[in-house]
């Protein structure tokens, strides 16, 4: 397990900004558009090709499939974590969970997880897919920022936890 991020000082400008992946968005959104364009172009080409047997229903089905794939890609890259005064709202691919600040016991990157993980007081480890190891130094900075936020909100809640993730 790699060392847990530790807060390094007081609140920084932008600490309350939403957490979002970088590389996934740079790849995912253009790929979603490319997928729809490719399926539409293929459908048109096959519909006009002699003896292809491609019908209007085939074209419509292919376009709907391409749109569904694009929607899936957008959902994958649309993960985020939004800090509020009361909680951290974590939107992963399938679900959204609101975790109150006092329920977060630690913030860490483990060796086996590609995402930042929150240790919560209910015994769960919640993946925060918005902070991805693939983003390198940016992900480490985001982990530190989230640790600062957790640390900043702990005293307000009457509970000093020390170093998050320890």
N, C-alpha and C. Protein backbone atom coordinates (compact mmCIF):
# COMPACT_ATOMS: atom_id res chain seq x y z
N UNK A 1 0.84 -1.17 0.00
CA UNK A 1 0.00 0.00 0.00
C UNK A 1 0.89 1.23 0.00
N UNK A 2 0.56 2.19 -0.87
CA UNK A 2 1.34 3.41 -0.89
C UNK A 2 0.92 4.30 0.27
N UNK A 3 1.79 5.23 0.63
CA UNK A 3 1.48 6.07 1.77
C UNK A 3 0.19 6.86 1.53
N UNK A 4 -0.52 7.10 2.60
CA UNK A 4 -1.76 7.87 2.51
C UNK A 4 -1.42 9.32 2.26
N UNK A 5 -2.25 10.02 1.49
CA UNK A 5 -2.02 11.44 1.32
C UNK A 5 -2.20 12.14 2.66
N UNK A 6 -1.40 13.14 2.89
CA UNK A 6 -1.54 13.90 4.13
C UNK A 6 -1.78 15.36 3.79
N UNK A 7 -2.59 16.02 4.56
CA UNK A 7 -2.82 17.43 4.30
C UNK A 7 -1.53 18.21 4.53
N UNK A 8 -1.25 19.13 3.68
CA UNK A 8 -0.01 19.89 3.85
C UNK A 8 -0.33 21.38 3.95
N UNK A 9 -1.03 21.72 5.01
CA UNK A 9 -1.27 23.13 5.24
C UNK A 9 -2.73 23.49 5.21
N UNK A 10 -2.98 24.80 5.28
CA UNK A 10 -4.35 25.29 5.33
C UNK A 10 -5.05 25.13 3.99
N UNK A 11 -6.32 25.47 3.98
CA UNK A 11 -7.12 25.38 2.75
C UNK A 11 -6.46 26.18 1.63
N UNK A 12 -6.53 25.65 0.45
CA UNK A 12 -5.95 26.27 -0.73
C UNK A 12 -7.08 26.80 -1.61
N UNK A 13 -6.79 27.79 -2.45
CA UNK A 13 -7.82 28.23 -3.39
C UNK A 13 -8.22 27.06 -4.30
N UNK A 14 -9.50 26.89 -4.52
CA UNK A 14 -9.96 25.81 -5.39
C UNK A 14 -10.17 24.49 -4.68
N UNK A 15 -9.96 24.43 -3.36
CA UNK A 15 -10.14 23.17 -2.63
C UNK A 15 -11.56 22.64 -2.76
N UNK A 16 -12.55 23.53 -2.90
CA UNK A 16 -13.94 23.10 -2.96
C UNK A 16 -14.41 22.78 -4.38
N UNK A 17 -13.51 22.81 -5.35
CA UNK A 17 -13.88 22.48 -6.73
C UNK A 17 -14.19 20.99 -6.85
N UNK A 18 -15.07 20.62 -7.78
CA UNK A 18 -15.37 19.19 -7.97
C UNK A 18 -14.13 18.42 -8.41
N UNK A 19 -14.08 17.15 -8.06
CA UNK A 19 -13.02 16.25 -8.48
C UNK A 19 -13.49 15.56 -9.75
N UNK A 20 -12.65 15.56 -10.79
CA UNK A 20 -12.98 14.91 -12.06
C UNK A 20 -11.72 14.30 -12.65
N UNK A 21 -11.86 13.17 -13.35
CA UNK A 21 -10.67 12.60 -13.98
C UNK A 21 -10.23 13.46 -15.17
N UNK A 22 -8.96 13.42 -15.50
CA UNK A 22 -8.46 14.20 -16.64
C UNK A 22 -8.36 13.35 -17.90
N UNK A 23 -7.48 12.35 -17.86
CA UNK A 23 -7.22 11.55 -19.07
C UNK A 23 -8.47 10.86 -19.59
N UNK A 24 -9.28 10.36 -18.69
CA UNK A 24 -10.50 9.66 -19.12
C UNK A 24 -11.39 10.61 -19.92
N UNK A 25 -11.48 11.87 -19.50
CA UNK A 25 -12.32 12.83 -20.24
C UNK A 25 -11.69 13.18 -21.58
N UNK A 26 -10.35 13.30 -21.60
CA UNK A 26 -9.69 13.64 -22.86
C UNK A 26 -9.88 12.55 -23.91
N UNK A 27 -9.99 11.33 -23.47
CA UNK A 27 -10.16 10.19 -24.38
C UNK A 27 -11.64 9.86 -24.59
N UNK A 28 -12.39 9.82 -23.52
CA UNK A 28 -13.77 9.34 -23.56
C UNK A 28 -14.73 10.16 -24.39
N UNK A 29 -14.73 11.48 -24.22
CA UNK A 29 -15.66 12.32 -24.97
C UNK A 29 -15.40 12.27 -26.47
N UNK A 30 -14.15 12.47 -26.92
CA UNK A 30 -13.91 12.35 -28.36
C UNK A 30 -14.22 10.95 -28.90
N UNK A 31 -13.94 9.92 -28.10
CA UNK A 31 -14.23 8.56 -28.53
C UNK A 31 -15.74 8.34 -28.68
N UNK A 32 -16.54 8.92 -27.80
CA UNK A 32 -18.00 8.80 -27.90
C UNK A 32 -18.49 9.45 -29.20
N UNK A 33 -17.98 10.63 -29.51
CA UNK A 33 -18.37 11.32 -30.75
C UNK A 33 -17.91 10.51 -31.96
N UNK A 34 -16.68 10.02 -31.92
CA UNK A 34 -16.15 9.23 -33.02
C UNK A 34 -16.98 7.96 -33.23
N UNK A 35 -17.41 7.34 -32.16
CA UNK A 35 -18.22 6.13 -32.25
C UNK A 35 -19.53 6.39 -32.98
N UNK A 36 -20.22 7.45 -32.62
CA UNK A 36 -21.49 7.78 -33.28
C UNK A 36 -21.24 8.12 -34.74
N UNK A 37 -20.24 8.93 -35.03
CA UNK A 37 -19.94 9.30 -36.42
C UNK A 37 -19.58 8.08 -37.26
N UNK A 38 -18.79 7.18 -36.69
CA UNK A 38 -18.38 5.99 -37.43
C UNK A 38 -19.57 5.09 -37.74
N UNK A 39 -20.46 4.91 -36.78
CA UNK A 39 -21.63 4.06 -37.00
C UNK A 39 -22.57 4.68 -38.02
N UNK A 40 -22.75 5.99 -37.95
CA UNK A 40 -23.61 6.67 -38.94
C UNK A 40 -23.01 6.55 -40.33
N UNK A 41 -21.70 6.79 -40.45
CA UNK A 41 -21.04 6.69 -41.76
C UNK A 41 -21.11 5.26 -42.30
N UNK A 42 -20.89 4.29 -41.45
CA UNK A 42 -20.97 2.89 -41.87
C UNK A 42 -22.38 2.53 -42.31
N UNK A 43 -23.36 2.99 -41.57
CA UNK A 43 -24.76 2.71 -41.91
C UNK A 43 -25.14 3.31 -43.26
N UNK A 44 -24.71 4.53 -43.50
CA UNK A 44 -24.99 5.19 -44.79
C UNK A 44 -24.29 4.45 -45.92
N UNK A 45 -23.02 4.11 -45.70
CA UNK A 45 -22.25 3.42 -46.74
C UNK A 45 -22.86 2.06 -47.07
N UNK A 46 -23.24 1.32 -46.05
CA UNK A 46 -23.82 0.00 -46.29
C UNK A 46 -25.21 0.09 -46.91
N UNK A 47 -25.97 1.10 -46.55
CA UNK A 47 -27.32 1.27 -47.12
C UNK A 47 -27.25 1.57 -48.61
N UNK A 48 -26.17 2.24 -49.03
CA UNK A 48 -26.02 2.60 -50.44
C UNK A 48 -25.16 1.62 -51.23
N UNK A 49 -24.60 0.64 -50.57
CA UNK A 49 -23.77 -0.34 -51.27
C UNK A 49 -24.67 -1.33 -52.02
N UNK A 50 -24.35 -1.59 -53.27
CA UNK A 50 -25.17 -2.54 -54.03
C UNK A 50 -25.03 -3.95 -53.45
N UNK A 51 -26.11 -4.64 -53.38
CA UNK A 51 -26.18 -6.02 -52.92
C UNK A 51 -25.66 -6.24 -51.50
N UNK A 52 -25.72 -5.20 -50.67
CA UNK A 52 -25.27 -5.38 -49.28
C UNK A 52 -26.35 -6.03 -48.43
N UNK A 53 -27.58 -5.87 -48.85
CA UNK A 53 -28.68 -6.41 -48.07
C UNK A 53 -28.99 -5.58 -46.83
N UNK A 54 -28.35 -4.44 -46.72
CA UNK A 54 -28.51 -3.55 -45.56
C UNK A 54 -29.79 -2.75 -45.74
N UNK A 55 -30.69 -2.81 -44.77
CA UNK A 55 -31.97 -2.11 -44.87
C UNK A 55 -31.99 -0.88 -43.97
N UNK A 56 -33.06 -0.12 -44.09
CA UNK A 56 -33.23 1.06 -43.22
C UNK A 56 -33.30 0.67 -41.76
N UNK A 57 -33.94 -0.48 -41.49
CA UNK A 57 -34.02 -0.97 -40.11
C UNK A 57 -32.63 -1.32 -39.58
N UNK A 58 -31.79 -1.91 -40.44
CA UNK A 58 -30.41 -2.22 -40.03
C UNK A 58 -29.66 -0.93 -39.70
N UNK A 59 -29.84 0.08 -40.54
CA UNK A 59 -29.17 1.37 -40.30
C UNK A 59 -29.63 1.99 -38.99
N UNK A 60 -30.95 1.99 -38.77
CA UNK A 60 -31.49 2.57 -37.54
C UNK A 60 -30.98 1.81 -36.31
N UNK A 61 -30.95 0.49 -36.40
CA UNK A 61 -30.47 -0.32 -35.28
C UNK A 61 -29.00 -0.04 -34.99
N UNK A 62 -28.20 0.08 -36.03
CA UNK A 62 -26.78 0.37 -35.84
C UNK A 62 -26.57 1.74 -35.21
N UNK A 63 -27.34 2.73 -35.65
CA UNK A 63 -27.20 4.07 -35.09
C UNK A 63 -27.62 4.08 -33.62
N UNK A 64 -28.71 3.40 -33.29
CA UNK A 64 -29.14 3.31 -31.89
C UNK A 64 -28.06 2.63 -31.05
N UNK A 65 -27.46 1.55 -31.57
CA UNK A 65 -26.39 0.88 -30.86
C UNK A 65 -25.20 1.83 -30.64
N UNK A 66 -24.83 2.57 -31.67
CA UNK A 66 -23.72 3.53 -31.55
C UNK A 66 -24.01 4.60 -30.50
N UNK A 67 -25.25 5.06 -30.45
CA UNK A 67 -25.62 6.06 -29.46
C UNK A 67 -25.56 5.46 -28.05
N UNK A 68 -26.02 4.22 -27.90
CA UNK A 68 -25.95 3.57 -26.59
C UNK A 68 -24.50 3.40 -26.12
N UNK A 69 -23.63 3.03 -27.03
CA UNK A 69 -22.21 2.91 -26.68
C UNK A 69 -21.66 4.28 -26.27
N UNK A 70 -22.02 5.33 -27.01
CA UNK A 70 -21.56 6.69 -26.68
C UNK A 70 -22.08 7.12 -25.31
N UNK A 71 -23.34 6.82 -25.01
CA UNK A 71 -23.91 7.16 -23.70
C UNK A 71 -23.15 6.43 -22.60
N UNK A 72 -22.82 5.17 -22.82
CA UNK A 72 -22.02 4.41 -21.85
C UNK A 72 -20.66 5.04 -21.62
N UNK A 73 -20.01 5.46 -22.69
CA UNK A 73 -18.70 6.12 -22.56
C UNK A 73 -18.81 7.43 -21.79
N UNK A 74 -19.84 8.20 -22.10
CA UNK A 74 -20.03 9.47 -21.40
C UNK A 74 -20.28 9.23 -19.92
N UNK A 75 -21.03 8.20 -19.60
CA UNK A 75 -21.27 7.86 -18.19
C UNK A 75 -19.96 7.45 -17.50
N UNK A 76 -19.13 6.69 -18.20
CA UNK A 76 -17.84 6.28 -17.64
C UNK A 76 -16.95 7.47 -17.32
N UNK A 77 -16.93 8.46 -18.20
CA UNK A 77 -16.05 9.60 -17.98
C UNK A 77 -16.74 10.72 -17.21
N UNK A 78 -18.02 10.55 -16.91
CA UNK A 78 -18.76 11.56 -16.16
C UNK A 78 -18.68 11.38 -14.65
N UNK A 79 -17.81 10.51 -14.19
CA UNK A 79 -17.67 10.31 -12.75
C UNK A 79 -17.12 11.59 -12.13
N UNK A 80 -17.54 11.85 -10.89
CA UNK A 80 -17.06 13.05 -10.21
C UNK A 80 -17.31 12.91 -8.71
N UNK A 81 -16.68 13.78 -7.95
CA UNK A 81 -16.92 13.89 -6.52
C UNK A 81 -17.04 15.38 -6.23
N UNK A 82 -18.15 15.75 -5.63
CA UNK A 82 -18.44 17.17 -5.39
C UNK A 82 -18.48 17.43 -3.89
N UNK A 83 -17.55 18.25 -3.39
CA UNK A 83 -17.59 18.59 -1.96
C UNK A 83 -18.66 19.65 -1.69
N UNK A 84 -19.41 19.44 -0.61
CA UNK A 84 -20.36 20.44 -0.14
C UNK A 84 -19.98 20.76 1.30
N UNK A 85 -20.68 21.66 1.92
CA UNK A 85 -20.38 21.99 3.31
C UNK A 85 -20.62 20.81 4.24
N UNK A 86 -21.58 19.98 3.89
CA UNK A 86 -21.99 18.89 4.77
C UNK A 86 -21.40 17.53 4.41
N UNK A 87 -21.08 17.33 3.11
CA UNK A 87 -20.70 15.98 2.68
C UNK A 87 -19.91 16.03 1.38
N UNK A 88 -19.44 14.85 1.00
CA UNK A 88 -18.82 14.64 -0.31
C UNK A 88 -19.79 13.78 -1.11
N UNK A 89 -20.21 14.28 -2.26
CA UNK A 89 -21.14 13.54 -3.12
C UNK A 89 -20.30 12.85 -4.19
N UNK A 90 -20.26 11.52 -4.14
CA UNK A 90 -19.43 10.72 -5.04
C UNK A 90 -20.32 10.08 -6.10
N UNK A 91 -20.10 10.48 -7.36
CA UNK A 91 -20.85 9.86 -8.46
C UNK A 91 -19.90 8.95 -9.22
N UNK A 92 -20.10 7.65 -9.07
CA UNK A 92 -19.33 6.67 -9.83
C UNK A 92 -20.17 6.24 -11.02
N UNK A 93 -19.77 5.23 -11.73
CA UNK A 93 -20.45 4.83 -12.96
C UNK A 93 -21.89 4.40 -12.71
N UNK A 94 -22.11 3.58 -11.71
CA UNK A 94 -23.43 2.99 -11.51
C UNK A 94 -24.26 3.74 -10.47
N UNK A 95 -23.65 4.28 -9.46
CA UNK A 95 -24.42 4.90 -8.38
C UNK A 95 -23.79 6.20 -7.92
N UNK A 96 -24.59 6.96 -7.16
CA UNK A 96 -24.13 8.18 -6.53
C UNK A 96 -24.35 8.02 -5.03
N UNK A 97 -23.33 8.38 -4.25
CA UNK A 97 -23.44 8.25 -2.80
C UNK A 97 -22.97 9.54 -2.14
N UNK A 98 -23.73 9.98 -1.17
CA UNK A 98 -23.36 11.16 -0.38
C UNK A 98 -22.76 10.67 0.93
N UNK A 99 -21.52 11.06 1.20
CA UNK A 99 -20.83 10.63 2.41
C UNK A 99 -20.57 11.87 3.26
N UNK A 100 -21.15 11.91 4.43
CA UNK A 100 -20.93 13.05 5.31
C UNK A 100 -19.47 13.08 5.74
N UNK A 101 -18.97 14.30 5.95
CA UNK A 101 -17.54 14.46 6.27
C UNK A 101 -17.14 13.67 7.51
N UNK A 102 -18.00 13.63 8.51
CA UNK A 102 -17.62 12.92 9.73
C UNK A 102 -17.63 11.40 9.56
N UNK A 103 -18.15 10.91 8.44
CA UNK A 103 -18.14 9.46 8.17
C UNK A 103 -16.87 9.02 7.45
N UNK A 104 -16.06 9.97 7.00
CA UNK A 104 -14.83 9.64 6.27
C UNK A 104 -13.68 9.53 7.27
N UNK A 105 -13.14 8.32 7.38
CA UNK A 105 -12.06 8.06 8.32
C UNK A 105 -10.68 8.19 7.67
N UNK A 106 -10.60 7.99 6.36
CA UNK A 106 -9.31 8.06 5.70
C UNK A 106 -9.44 8.22 4.20
N UNK A 107 -8.39 8.75 3.60
CA UNK A 107 -8.29 8.95 2.15
C UNK A 107 -7.00 8.28 1.72
N UNK A 108 -7.07 7.34 0.74
CA UNK A 108 -5.84 6.65 0.36
C UNK A 108 -5.90 6.11 -1.07
N UNK A 109 -4.71 5.88 -1.60
CA UNK A 109 -4.52 5.12 -2.82
C UNK A 109 -3.90 3.80 -2.39
N UNK A 110 -4.50 2.68 -2.76
CA UNK A 110 -3.86 1.40 -2.46
C UNK A 110 -3.23 0.89 -3.74
N UNK A 111 -2.30 -0.03 -3.60
CA UNK A 111 -1.60 -0.56 -4.76
C UNK A 111 -2.53 -1.27 -5.73
N UNK A 112 -3.56 -1.96 -5.21
CA UNK A 112 -4.43 -2.75 -6.07
C UNK A 112 -5.60 -1.96 -6.67
N UNK A 113 -5.78 -0.72 -6.28
CA UNK A 113 -6.92 0.05 -6.77
C UNK A 113 -6.46 1.18 -7.70
N UNK A 114 -7.10 1.32 -8.85
CA UNK A 114 -6.73 2.41 -9.76
C UNK A 114 -7.34 3.74 -9.36
N UNK A 115 -8.16 3.75 -8.30
CA UNK A 115 -8.84 4.96 -7.87
C UNK A 115 -8.53 5.26 -6.42
N UNK A 116 -8.76 6.49 -6.04
CA UNK A 116 -8.67 6.89 -4.66
C UNK A 116 -9.78 6.17 -3.88
N UNK A 117 -9.52 5.84 -2.64
CA UNK A 117 -10.49 5.13 -1.82
C UNK A 117 -10.74 5.89 -0.53
N UNK A 118 -12.00 5.96 -0.14
CA UNK A 118 -12.37 6.54 1.14
C UNK A 118 -12.65 5.40 2.12
N UNK A 119 -12.06 5.46 3.29
CA UNK A 119 -12.41 4.54 4.36
C UNK A 119 -13.52 5.23 5.14
N UNK A 120 -14.65 4.54 5.29
CA UNK A 120 -15.79 5.16 5.97
C UNK A 120 -16.08 4.48 7.29
N UNK A 121 -16.83 5.17 8.14
CA UNK A 121 -17.10 4.66 9.48
C UNK A 121 -18.06 3.47 9.49
N UNK A 122 -18.66 3.14 8.35
CA UNK A 122 -19.53 1.95 8.31
C UNK A 122 -18.75 0.71 7.86
N UNK A 123 -17.43 0.84 7.76
CA UNK A 123 -16.58 -0.29 7.41
C UNK A 123 -16.37 -0.49 5.92
N UNK A 124 -17.00 0.33 5.11
CA UNK A 124 -16.85 0.21 3.66
C UNK A 124 -15.65 1.00 3.17
N UNK A 125 -15.14 0.56 2.04
CA UNK A 125 -14.14 1.31 1.29
C UNK A 125 -14.83 1.79 0.03
N UNK A 126 -14.99 3.09 -0.10
CA UNK A 126 -15.71 3.65 -1.23
C UNK A 126 -14.72 4.16 -2.27
N UNK A 127 -14.78 3.60 -3.47
CA UNK A 127 -13.92 4.06 -4.56
C UNK A 127 -14.42 5.42 -5.02
N UNK A 128 -13.48 6.33 -5.22
CA UNK A 128 -13.80 7.64 -5.79
C UNK A 128 -13.17 7.64 -7.18
N UNK A 129 -13.96 7.19 -8.15
CA UNK A 129 -13.45 7.01 -9.52
C UNK A 129 -13.05 8.32 -10.18
N UNK A 130 -13.42 9.44 -9.60
CA UNK A 130 -13.08 10.74 -10.15
C UNK A 130 -11.59 11.06 -9.98
N UNK A 131 -10.93 10.37 -9.06
CA UNK A 131 -9.49 10.57 -8.85
C UNK A 131 -8.81 9.26 -9.23
N UNK A 132 -8.19 9.26 -10.41
CA UNK A 132 -7.64 8.04 -10.99
C UNK A 132 -6.12 8.09 -11.06
N UNK A 133 -5.49 6.97 -10.71
CA UNK A 133 -4.03 6.89 -10.75
C UNK A 133 -3.47 7.19 -12.14
N UNK A 134 -4.25 6.94 -13.17
CA UNK A 134 -3.79 7.20 -14.54
C UNK A 134 -3.46 8.68 -14.75
N UNK A 135 -3.99 9.54 -13.90
CA UNK A 135 -3.72 10.97 -14.02
C UNK A 135 -2.40 11.38 -13.35
N UNK A 136 -1.67 10.42 -12.82
CA UNK A 136 -0.32 10.65 -12.30
C UNK A 136 -0.24 11.68 -11.18
N UNK A 137 0.61 12.69 -11.39
CA UNK A 137 0.85 13.71 -10.36
C UNK A 137 -0.43 14.49 -10.05
N UNK A 138 -1.26 14.68 -11.04
CA UNK A 138 -2.54 15.37 -10.82
C UNK A 138 -3.39 14.57 -9.83
N UNK A 139 -3.40 13.26 -9.96
CA UNK A 139 -4.18 12.41 -9.05
C UNK A 139 -3.63 12.51 -7.62
N UNK A 140 -2.32 12.53 -7.48
CA UNK A 140 -1.73 12.67 -6.15
C UNK A 140 -2.10 14.02 -5.53
N UNK A 141 -2.07 15.08 -6.35
CA UNK A 141 -2.46 16.40 -5.86
C UNK A 141 -3.93 16.42 -5.45
N UNK A 142 -4.77 15.74 -6.23
CA UNK A 142 -6.19 15.68 -5.91
C UNK A 142 -6.42 14.87 -4.63
N UNK A 143 -5.65 13.82 -4.42
CA UNK A 143 -5.74 13.06 -3.19
C UNK A 143 -5.38 13.91 -1.98
N UNK A 144 -4.34 14.72 -2.12
CA UNK A 144 -3.95 15.63 -1.05
C UNK A 144 -5.03 16.68 -0.80
N UNK A 145 -5.61 17.18 -1.88
CA UNK A 145 -6.69 18.17 -1.75
C UNK A 145 -7.88 17.58 -1.00
N UNK A 146 -8.25 16.34 -1.35
CA UNK A 146 -9.38 15.71 -0.65
C UNK A 146 -9.03 15.45 0.82
N UNK A 147 -7.79 15.05 1.09
CA UNK A 147 -7.37 14.84 2.48
C UNK A 147 -7.45 16.16 3.26
N UNK A 148 -7.06 17.28 2.61
CA UNK A 148 -7.18 18.60 3.26
C UNK A 148 -8.64 18.92 3.57
N UNK A 149 -9.52 18.61 2.61
CA UNK A 149 -10.94 18.88 2.84
C UNK A 149 -11.47 18.06 4.01
N UNK A 150 -11.12 16.79 4.06
CA UNK A 150 -11.57 15.92 5.16
C UNK A 150 -11.03 16.47 6.47
N UNK A 151 -9.76 16.84 6.49
CA UNK A 151 -9.14 17.36 7.70
C UNK A 151 -9.78 18.70 8.11
N UNK A 152 -10.07 19.53 7.15
CA UNK A 152 -10.68 20.84 7.43
C UNK A 152 -12.08 20.69 8.02
N UNK A 153 -12.84 19.71 7.55
CA UNK A 153 -14.20 19.53 8.05
C UNK A 153 -14.25 18.74 9.36
N UNK A 154 -13.21 17.99 9.69
CA UNK A 154 -13.22 17.19 10.92
C UNK A 154 -13.36 18.06 12.17
N UNK A 155 -12.58 19.13 12.33
CA UNK A 155 -12.72 19.95 13.54
C UNK A 155 -14.09 20.61 13.64
N UNK A 156 -14.68 20.99 12.51
CA UNK A 156 -16.00 21.62 12.52
C UNK A 156 -17.04 20.65 13.06
N UNK A 157 -16.79 19.39 12.91
CA UNK A 157 -17.74 18.38 13.35
C UNK A 157 -17.42 17.88 14.75
N UNK A 158 -16.48 18.55 15.40
CA UNK A 158 -16.15 18.19 16.78
C UNK A 158 -15.37 16.91 16.91
N UNK A 159 -14.65 16.55 15.85
CA UNK A 159 -13.92 15.28 15.87
C UNK A 159 -12.61 15.47 15.15
N UNK A 160 -11.51 15.38 15.86
CA UNK A 160 -10.21 15.53 15.25
C UNK A 160 -9.63 14.14 15.02
N UNK A 161 -9.46 13.79 13.77
CA UNK A 161 -9.00 12.44 13.43
C UNK A 161 -7.51 12.35 13.20
N UNK A 162 -6.83 13.46 13.19
CA UNK A 162 -5.40 13.39 12.88
C UNK A 162 -5.21 13.25 11.38
N UNK A 163 -4.22 12.47 11.00
CA UNK A 163 -3.88 12.31 9.59
C UNK A 163 -4.83 11.33 8.89
N UNK A 164 -5.56 11.78 7.84
CA UNK A 164 -6.45 10.87 7.12
C UNK A 164 -5.68 9.71 6.53
N UNK A 165 -6.25 8.54 6.57
CA UNK A 165 -5.66 7.36 5.97
C UNK A 165 -4.67 6.65 6.85
N UNK A 166 -4.38 7.18 8.01
CA UNK A 166 -3.39 6.55 8.88
C UNK A 166 -3.96 5.37 9.61
